[in-house]
Amino acid sequence: MSKLLDLQQKRGQLAASMRTLVDSVDAAKGMTTEQEEQWKNMNNDLSALDKQIEQLERMVEIEGRLSEVPNPARRPEPAGNTPTNPLASTEYMGNFEQYVRAGMSMDIQAALTVGTDADGGYTVPDSWAMQLIEALTDHVVMRELCTVISTSTTTNLPLVADHGQAGWIDEGGSYPESDIEFGVGVIEAWKLGRIMKVSEELLQDTQVSLESEIARIFGLTFGTAEEAAFITGDGNKKPTGVTVTAQVGKVAASANAFTYDEIIDLIHSVRAVYRNGASFLAKDGTIGMMRKLKSTDGIPLWQPSLQAGVPDSFLGYRVRTSEAMPGVATGNKSIAFGDFRQYRIADRGGMVMQRLNEKYADTGHVGFRMRKRTDGKLLMAEAIKTLQQA
């Protein structure tokens, strides 16, 4: 932990030095050769620190999960009244963990009845769900940027196709009539799932935090699949990606590069109302190209964050990275910019797990099948614009 703190402090100091360097540049003359070289070196050092910090943060997280040893029998009852949600009760949680480790018995089956799924699985307890959601969030930037809702049925979301217009009126004249035209965006519930095999020996090893490992692995794979769908999904039995619906704000002159002026055009292709709180979203390699861009007077446009956990910014807007974004290549939409809150992610019901006792018995494994249902759509196509390569 001390090493992580040292690196974070070092990053903050380096970012402050970069800010100081930029402030010292003569706006009329731009950066000198010496300042250019100094900026380049500090920018490279910052990238290296970011990677080290990310790796250490991941290790701290993994070690924290491995140190948790589940012991349902010793878990104290929550203070106060019994929770009204049966999936949040200690009894349900303990029985579910016993179901995962040892399989089904009559007593456990009776205890899990409240979470029975129509297809034979059991809804994971709230404590497990939170671990899964945390693991998903680690790997899904879109869930942090967008609006996440819960639905119980297929939902029709009104999309404004035409706001109508007002007009000037002569004294005693008639008011112009114009109606708001609505389109309809249908939020479905597409099913995402996978099976994971666990050895019998691991199931019997009480020193392993099995639920944390299951949550981490399912969260990683579910998160990767969701992120790709939320960004580039074609809507065929999966969410419709933001880059699919978003309008093209600017077409770059090059297939493998972009310029400062083209980024400016992209920003101003988005209406001002959507630029309030807007963000850039791009692949890490594309972010690397953005970090090298300078304004017309030679000032670097990248603004490294001085605070750990706060995203860096570019031209005053937050920058987020997702490897699901297309790279800088012919015809790709390499950068998305705008108000990602207009993208709705709708989760249907809880996450459901089913233990498969016989399917992998010949190899000494037990299967766990996890599934969830979700969808995603951009409500206002004009809220997010993309930079498309030539």
Protein backbone atom coordinates (compact mmCIF):
# COMPACT_ATOMS: atom_id res chain seq x y z
CA MET A 1 0.00 0.00 0.00
CA SER A 2 2.87 2.40 0.82
CA LYS A 3 4.38 1.82 -2.62
CA LEU A 4 1.04 2.59 -4.26
CA LEU A 5 0.73 5.80 -2.22
CA ASP A 6 4.28 6.80 -3.16
CA LEU A 7 3.52 6.29 -6.86
CA GLN A 8 0.28 8.29 -6.61
CA GLN A 9 2.11 11.15 -4.90
CA LYS A 10 4.87 11.01 -7.50
CA ARG A 11 2.25 11.14 -10.25
CA GLY A 12 0.61 14.18 -8.66
CA GLN A 13 3.95 15.98 -8.44
CA LEU A 14 4.75 15.13 -12.05
CA ALA A 15 1.34 16.34 -13.23
CA ALA A 16 1.88 19.60 -11.33
CA SER A 17 5.26 20.04 -13.02
CA MET A 18 3.64 19.51 -16.42
CA ARG A 19 1.07 22.18 -15.61
CA THR A 20 3.84 24.56 -14.54
CA LEU A 21 5.72 23.90 -17.78
CA VAL A 22 2.65 24.66 -19.88
CA ASP A 23 1.98 27.87 -17.93
CA SER A 24 5.55 29.03 -18.59
CA VAL A 25 5.26 28.72 -22.39
CA ASP A 26 5.26 31.98 -24.33
CA ALA A 27 1.88 31.91 -26.08
CA ALA A 28 3.19 34.03 -28.91
CA LYS A 29 6.22 31.84 -29.65
CA GLY A 30 5.01 28.41 -28.53
CA MET A 31 7.25 25.78 -26.95
CA THR A 32 11.00 25.94 -27.40
CA THR A 33 12.91 22.84 -28.46
CA GLU A 34 14.04 22.35 -24.88
CA GLN A 35 10.48 22.66 -23.54
CA GLU A 36 9.24 20.23 -26.22
CA GLU A 37 11.77 17.62 -25.11
CA GLN A 38 11.00 18.22 -21.44
CA TRP A 39 7.25 17.83 -22.04
CA LYS A 40 7.79 14.66 -24.06
CA ASN A 41 9.89 13.07 -21.31
CA MET A 42 7.43 13.98 -18.57
CA ASN A 43 4.50 12.71 -20.64
CA ASN A 44 6.26 9.36 -21.13
CA ASP A 45 7.03 9.17 -17.39
CA LEU A 46 3.38 9.91 -16.60
CA SER A 47 2.19 7.08 -18.88
CA ALA A 48 4.60 4.67 -17.20
CA LEU A 49 3.41 5.73 -13.73
CA ASP A 50 -0.23 5.28 -14.76
CA LYS A 51 0.48 1.68 -15.79
CA GLN A 52 2.34 0.92 -12.55
CA ILE A 53 -0.46 2.43 -10.46
CA GLU A 54 -3.10 0.46 -12.35
CA GLN A 55 -1.19 -2.81 -11.82
CA LEU A 56 -0.68 -2.18 -8.09
CA GLU A 57 -4.32 -1.19 -7.59
CA ARG A 58 -5.38 -4.44 -9.26
CA MET A 59 -3.03 -6.44 -7.01
CA VAL A 60 -4.36 -4.73 -3.87
CA GLU A 61 -7.89 -5.58 -4.99
CA ILE A 62 -7.04 -9.25 -5.70
CA GLU A 63 -5.18 -9.67 -2.39
CA GLY A 64 -8.09 -8.13 -0.53
CA ARG A 65 -10.51 -10.61 -2.07
CA LEU A 66 -8.26 -13.59 -1.39
CA SER A 67 -7.98 -12.61 2.28
CA GLU A 68 -11.73 -12.93 2.74
CA VAL A 69 -12.58 -16.36 4.10
CA PRO A 70 -16.32 -17.12 3.94
CA ASN A 71 -17.83 -18.56 7.08
CA PRO A 72 -21.60 -18.30 6.83
CA ALA A 73 -22.16 -19.98 10.21
CA ARG A 74 -20.32 -17.20 12.07
CA ARG A 75 -21.82 -14.25 10.28
CA PRO A 76 -23.75 -12.07 12.75
CA GLU A 77 -27.30 -11.10 12.06
CA PRO A 78 -27.68 -7.49 10.91
CA ALA A 79 -28.60 -4.98 13.57
CA GLY A 80 -32.15 -3.72 13.69
CA ASN A 81 -35.16 -5.26 12.02
CA THR A 82 -34.96 -8.24 9.67
CA PRO A 83 -34.51 -6.99 6.07
CA THR A 84 -37.71 -6.93 4.07
CA ASN A 85 -35.89 -8.22 0.98
CA PRO A 86 -35.43 -12.00 1.51
CA LEU A 87 -32.44 -12.01 -0.87
CA ALA A 88 -30.62 -9.71 1.56
CA SER A 89 -31.10 -11.94 4.61
CA THR A 90 -28.20 -13.70 6.29
CA GLU A 91 -30.13 -16.98 6.13
CA TYR A 92 -30.54 -16.81 2.35
CA MET A 93 -26.92 -15.78 1.86
CA GLY A 94 -25.62 -18.62 4.03
CA ASN A 95 -27.78 -21.23 2.35
CA PHE A 96 -26.81 -19.98 -1.09
CA GLU A 97 -23.12 -20.30 -0.27
CA GLN A 98 -23.74 -23.83 1.02
CA TYR A 99 -25.54 -24.57 -2.26
CA VAL A 100 -22.50 -23.35 -4.19
CA ARG A 101 -19.98 -25.39 -2.18
CA ALA A 102 -21.88 -28.57 -1.31
CA GLY A 103 -24.85 -28.76 -3.65
CA MET A 104 -28.54 -29.04 -2.92
CA SER A 105 -30.26 -30.58 0.09
CA MET A 106 -33.89 -30.52 1.10
CA ASP A 107 -33.28 -27.86 3.75
CA ILE A 108 -31.28 -25.65 1.39
CA GLN A 109 -33.83 -26.08 -1.38
CA ALA A 110 -36.60 -24.96 0.95
CA ALA A 111 -34.55 -21.97 2.13
CA LEU A 112 -33.80 -20.85 -1.44
CA THR A 113 -37.40 -21.05 -2.65
CA VAL A 114 -37.80 -17.26 -2.49
CA GLY A 115 -35.06 -16.88 -5.11
CA THR A 116 -36.15 -19.63 -7.48
CA ASP A 117 -35.87 -18.72 -11.15
CA ALA A 118 -38.29 -20.00 -13.78
CA ASP A 119 -35.45 -21.81 -15.59
CA GLY A 120 -34.23 -23.70 -12.53
CA GLY A 121 -31.57 -21.37 -11.18
CA TYR A 122 -31.45 -19.20 -8.07
CA THR A 123 -31.11 -15.45 -7.86
CA VAL A 124 -27.80 -14.54 -6.25
CA PRO A 125 -28.03 -12.86 -2.82
CA ASP A 126 -27.65 -9.11 -2.60
CA SER A 127 -24.13 -9.44 -1.17
CA TRP A 128 -23.03 -11.55 -4.14
CA ALA A 129 -24.78 -9.22 -6.55
CA MET A 130 -22.84 -6.25 -5.16
CA GLN A 131 -19.54 -8.09 -5.69
CA LEU A 132 -20.54 -8.92 -9.25
CA ILE A 133 -21.61 -5.34 -9.93
CA GLU A 134 -18.32 -4.04 -8.53
CA ALA A 135 -16.41 -6.47 -10.74
CA LEU A 136 -18.51 -5.42 -13.74
CA THR A 137 -17.86 -1.75 -13.05
CA ASP A 138 -14.10 -2.36 -12.98
CA HIS A 139 -14.25 -3.53 -16.59
CA VAL A 140 -17.17 -1.54 -18.00
CA VAL A 141 -16.57 2.18 -18.40
CA MET A 142 -19.98 2.61 -20.00
CA ARG A 143 -21.73 1.69 -16.75
CA GLU A 144 -19.90 4.56 -15.05
CA LEU A 145 -20.66 7.10 -17.79
CA CYS A 146 -24.23 6.17 -18.70
CA THR A 147 -27.60 6.09 -16.97
CA VAL A 148 -28.37 2.65 -15.50
CA ILE A 149 -31.99 1.71 -14.75
CA SER A 150 -33.83 -1.44 -13.67
CA THR A 151 -36.88 -2.72 -15.54
CA SER A 152 -39.36 -5.53 -14.97
CA THR A 153 -40.86 -5.61 -18.46
CA THR A 154 -40.03 -4.52 -21.99
CA THR A 155 -39.93 -0.73 -21.80
CA ASN A 156 -40.84 1.85 -24.43
CA LEU A 157 -38.72 4.98 -24.04
CA PRO A 158 -40.00 8.13 -25.78
CA LEU A 159 -37.44 9.65 -28.15
CA VAL A 160 -38.02 13.24 -29.24
CA ALA A 161 -37.74 13.31 -33.03
CA ASP A 162 -38.92 16.92 -33.48
CA HIS A 163 -39.32 19.56 -30.74
CA GLY A 164 -41.59 21.77 -32.87
CA GLN A 165 -40.99 25.52 -32.99
CA ALA A 166 -42.28 28.85 -31.73
CA GLY A 167 -42.92 31.90 -33.95
CA TRP A 168 -43.42 35.67 -33.71
CA ILE A 169 -47.05 36.79 -33.68
CA ASP A 170 -48.67 40.04 -34.84
CA GLU A 171 -51.05 41.72 -32.43
CA GLY A 172 -54.27 39.75 -32.59
CA GLY A 173 -52.62 37.17 -34.82
CA SER A 174 -52.91 33.40 -34.56
CA TYR A 175 -50.46 31.26 -32.67
CA PRO A 176 -48.46 28.87 -34.88
CA GLU A 177 -49.22 25.23 -34.15
CA SER A 178 -46.53 22.56 -34.03
CA ASP A 179 -46.55 19.29 -32.15
CA ILE A 180 -43.68 17.46 -30.56
CA GLU A 181 -42.97 14.34 -32.56
CA PHE A 182 -41.91 11.29 -30.63
CA GLY A 183 -40.14 8.19 -31.79
CA VAL A 184 -40.02 5.10 -29.62
CA GLY A 185 -36.96 3.30 -28.34
CA VAL A 186 -37.74 -0.18 -27.06
CA ILE A 187 -35.61 -1.47 -24.21
CA GLU A 188 -35.49 -5.25 -24.36
CA ALA A 189 -33.83 -7.78 -22.05
CA TRP A 190 -31.14 -9.66 -23.95
CA LYS A 191 -29.63 -12.63 -22.15
CA LEU A 192 -25.91 -12.78 -21.38
CA GLY A 193 -24.45 -15.88 -19.81
CA ARG A 194 -21.62 -18.40 -19.47
CA ILE A 195 -20.66 -21.60 -17.64
CA MET A 196 -17.61 -21.80 -15.41
CA LYS A 197 -16.10 -25.10 -14.21
CA VAL A 198 -14.71 -25.39 -10.65
CA SER A 199 -12.79 -28.40 -9.37
CA GLU A 200 -14.18 -30.44 -6.49
CA GLU A 201 -10.96 -29.78 -4.55
CA LEU A 202 -11.46 -26.01 -4.78
CA LEU A 203 -15.06 -26.35 -3.63
CA GLN A 204 -13.88 -28.21 -0.54
CA ASP A 205 -11.11 -25.72 0.27
CA THR A 206 -12.65 -23.40 2.87
CA GLN A 207 -9.56 -21.16 2.83
CA VAL A 208 -10.48 -19.87 -0.62
CA SER A 209 -13.03 -17.07 -0.90
CA LEU A 210 -14.99 -18.91 -3.53
CA GLU A 211 -17.77 -16.37 -3.93
CA SER A 212 -15.26 -13.56 -4.44
CA GLU A 213 -13.42 -15.53 -7.11
CA ILE A 214 -16.66 -16.47 -8.87
CA ALA A 215 -17.77 -12.83 -8.77
CA ARG A 216 -14.39 -11.66 -10.10
CA ILE A 217 -14.30 -14.12 -13.00
CA PHE A 218 -17.93 -13.72 -14.00
CA GLY A 219 -17.63 -9.95 -13.57
CA LEU A 220 -14.55 -9.80 -15.82
CA THR A 221 -16.08 -11.85 -18.64
CA PHE A 222 -19.58 -10.38 -18.39
CA GLY A 223 -18.09 -6.90 -18.21
CA THR A 224 -15.97 -7.43 -21.32
CA ALA A 225 -18.99 -8.70 -23.28
CA GLU A 226 -21.23 -5.89 -22.06
CA GLU A 227 -18.69 -3.18 -22.83
CA ALA A 228 -18.31 -4.36 -26.42
CA ALA A 229 -22.10 -4.48 -26.88
CA PHE A 230 -22.74 -1.08 -25.27
CA ILE A 231 -20.18 0.50 -27.64
CA THR A 232 -20.41 -1.38 -30.95
CA GLY A 233 -23.32 -3.84 -30.55
CA ASP A 234 -25.56 -4.20 -33.61
CA GLY A 235 -28.79 -4.65 -31.61
CA ASN A 236 -29.30 -8.22 -32.87
CA LYS A 237 -30.02 -10.12 -29.63
CA LYS A 238 -27.68 -7.73 -27.87
CA PRO A 239 -27.65 -4.01 -26.92
CA THR A 240 -27.31 -1.33 -29.61
CA GLY A 241 -23.90 0.28 -29.26
CA VAL A 242 -23.42 3.99 -28.70
CA THR A 243 -21.20 4.33 -31.79
CA VAL A 244 -23.90 2.69 -33.92
CA THR A 245 -26.60 5.23 -33.03
CA ALA A 246 -24.47 8.34 -32.43
CA GLN A 247 -24.19 10.77 -35.31
CA VAL A 248 -20.87 11.38 -37.07
CA GLY A 249 -19.69 14.81 -35.97
CA LYS A 250 -16.51 15.00 -38.01
CA VAL A 251 -14.78 12.92 -40.69
CA ALA A 252 -11.00 13.05 -40.37
CA ALA A 253 -8.95 13.75 -43.47
CA SER A 254 -6.68 10.79 -42.69
CA ALA A 255 -7.43 7.11 -42.15
CA ASN A 256 -4.75 6.73 -39.46
CA ALA A 257 -4.49 10.14 -37.76
CA PHE A 258 -6.48 13.18 -36.63
CA THR A 259 -5.66 16.81 -35.94
CA TYR A 260 -6.31 19.44 -33.30
CA ASP A 261 -8.70 21.26 -35.63
CA GLU A 262 -10.67 18.06 -36.26
CA ILE A 263 -11.09 17.49 -32.51
CA ILE A 264 -12.33 21.08 -32.16
CA ASP A 265 -14.84 20.46 -34.95
CA LEU A 266 -15.99 17.28 -33.21
CA ILE A 267 -16.56 19.11 -29.93
CA HIS A 268 -18.59 21.87 -31.55
CA SER A 269 -20.63 19.42 -33.61
CA VAL A 270 -22.32 18.57 -30.28
CA ARG A 271 -24.94 21.09 -29.15
CA ALA A 272 -23.86 23.19 -26.16
CA VAL A 273 -26.60 21.71 -23.97
CA TYR A 274 -24.94 18.28 -24.30
CA ARG A 275 -21.40 19.59 -23.81
CA ASN A 276 -22.10 20.34 -20.16
CA GLY A 277 -20.59 17.31 -18.46
CA ALA A 278 -19.51 15.73 -21.75
CA SER A 279 -16.66 13.22 -22.00
CA PHE A 280 -14.32 11.77 -24.60
CA LEU A 281 -14.29 8.00 -25.02
CA ALA A 282 -11.55 6.24 -26.99
CA LYS A 283 -9.22 3.24 -27.07
CA ASP A 284 -5.98 3.57 -25.09
CA GLY A 285 -3.88 3.80 -28.27
CA THR A 286 -6.10 6.63 -29.51
CA ILE A 287 -5.74 8.39 -26.15
CA GLY A 288 -1.97 8.15 -26.64
CA MET A 289 -2.33 10.04 -29.94
CA MET A 290 -4.49 12.68 -28.27
CA ARG A 291 -1.85 13.22 -25.58
CA LYS A 292 0.63 14.30 -28.26
CA LEU A 293 -1.63 16.94 -29.84
CA LYS A 294 -0.81 20.63 -29.40
CA SER A 295 -2.81 23.75 -30.05
CA THR A 296 -1.99 26.06 -32.94
CA ASP A 297 0.33 28.05 -30.61
CA GLY A 298 2.24 24.89 -29.64
CA ILE A 299 0.67 24.34 -26.19
CA PRO A 300 -0.03 20.69 -25.24
CA LEU A 301 -3.77 20.08 -24.99
CA TRP A 302 -3.60 17.15 -22.58
CA GLN A 303 -4.24 18.09 -18.96
CA PRO A 304 -3.07 15.40 -16.52
CA SER A 305 -5.13 15.06 -13.38
CA LEU A 306 -3.47 16.24 -10.16
CA GLN A 307 -5.63 13.93 -8.05
CA ALA A 308 -5.58 10.13 -7.99
CA GLY A 309 -8.80 8.58 -9.29
CA VAL A 310 -9.83 11.71 -11.20
CA PRO A 311 -9.78 11.27 -15.00
CA ASP A 312 -7.34 13.31 -17.08
CA SER A 313 -8.90 15.93 -19.32
CA PHE A 314 -8.50 17.12 -22.88
CA LEU A 315 -9.53 20.66 -23.79
CA GLY A 316 -11.31 20.77 -20.42
CA TYR A 317 -13.38 17.59 -20.93
CA ARG A 318 -12.93 14.29 -19.11
CA VAL A 319 -11.24 11.49 -21.02
CA ARG A 320 -12.25 7.84 -20.48
CA THR A 321 -10.62 4.77 -21.97
CA SER A 322 -12.27 1.61 -23.27
CA GLU A 323 -10.57 -1.08 -25.30
CA ALA A 324 -13.96 -1.86 -26.87
CA MET A 325 -13.76 1.39 -28.86
CA PRO A 326 -12.61 1.00 -32.49
CA GLY A 327 -8.98 1.93 -33.18
CA VAL A 328 -7.69 4.59 -35.57
CA ALA A 329 -8.12 2.83 -38.91
CA THR A 330 -9.96 3.29 -42.20
CA GLY A 331 -13.64 4.07 -41.68
CA ASN A 332 -13.59 3.51 -37.90
CA LYS A 333 -15.37 5.75 -35.43
CA SER A 334 -12.31 6.17 -33.24
CA ILE A 335 -13.47 8.86 -30.78
CA ALA A 336 -16.88 9.44 -29.22
CA PHE A 337 -17.69 12.74 -27.50
CA GLY A 338 -20.79 13.99 -25.75
CA ASP A 339 -23.22 13.41 -22.90
CA PHE A 340 -23.13 9.68 -22.21
CA ARG A 341 -25.93 10.05 -19.66
CA GLN A 342 -28.28 9.95 -22.65
CA TYR A 343 -27.33 6.28 -23.17
CA ARG A 344 -29.63 4.06 -21.10
CA ILE A 345 -28.52 0.70 -19.73
CA ALA A 346 -31.52 -1.29 -18.52
CA ASP A 347 -31.05 -4.36 -16.32
CA ARG A 348 -33.96 -6.82 -16.07
CA GLY A 349 -34.23 -8.68 -12.78
CA GLY A 350 -31.32 -10.11 -10.84
CA MET A 351 -28.36 -12.25 -11.79
CA VAL A 352 -29.17 -15.96 -11.64
CA MET A 353 -26.83 -18.87 -10.92
CA GLN A 354 -27.40 -22.59 -11.39
CA ARG A 355 -25.10 -25.35 -10.13
CA LEU A 356 -24.52 -28.15 -12.66
CA ASN A 357 -23.59 -31.25 -10.69
CA GLU A 358 -23.53 -33.97 -13.36
CA LYS A 359 -22.41 -32.20 -16.53
CA TYR A 360 -18.66 -32.29 -15.72
CA ALA A 361 -18.63 -35.09 -13.11
CA ASP A 362 -16.35 -37.31 -15.22
CA THR A 363 -13.49 -34.82 -14.81
CA GLY A 364 -14.13 -33.99 -11.15
CA HIS A 365 -15.63 -30.57 -11.80
CA VAL A 366 -18.86 -28.79 -10.96
CA GLY A 367 -20.28 -26.26 -13.42
CA PHE A 368 -21.80 -22.92 -12.50
CA ARG A 369 -24.06 -21.28 -15.03
CA MET A 370 -24.63 -17.56 -14.57
CA ARG A 371 -26.97 -15.41 -16.59
CA LYS A 372 -28.32 -11.88 -16.57
CA ARG A 373 -30.55 -9.84 -18.85
CA THR A 374 -29.77 -6.34 -20.01
CA ASP A 375 -30.10 -3.90 -22.91
CA GLY A 376 -28.71 -0.53 -23.87
CA LYS A 377 -29.72 2.29 -26.24
CA LEU A 378 -28.77 5.89 -26.95
CA LEU A 379 -31.94 7.96 -26.51
CA MET A 380 -30.78 11.11 -28.28
CA ALA A 381 -28.55 10.46 -31.30
CA GLU A 382 -27.43 14.11 -31.30
CA ALA A 383 -26.17 13.91 -27.69
CA ILE A 384 -23.00 12.03 -28.69
CA LYS A 385 -20.99 12.55 -31.85
CA THR A 386 -18.13 10.50 -33.25
CA LEU A 387 -14.92 11.24 -35.13
CA GLN A 388 -14.79 8.91 -38.13
CA GLN A 389 -11.54 8.15 -39.90
CA ALA A 390 -11.42 8.64 -43.68
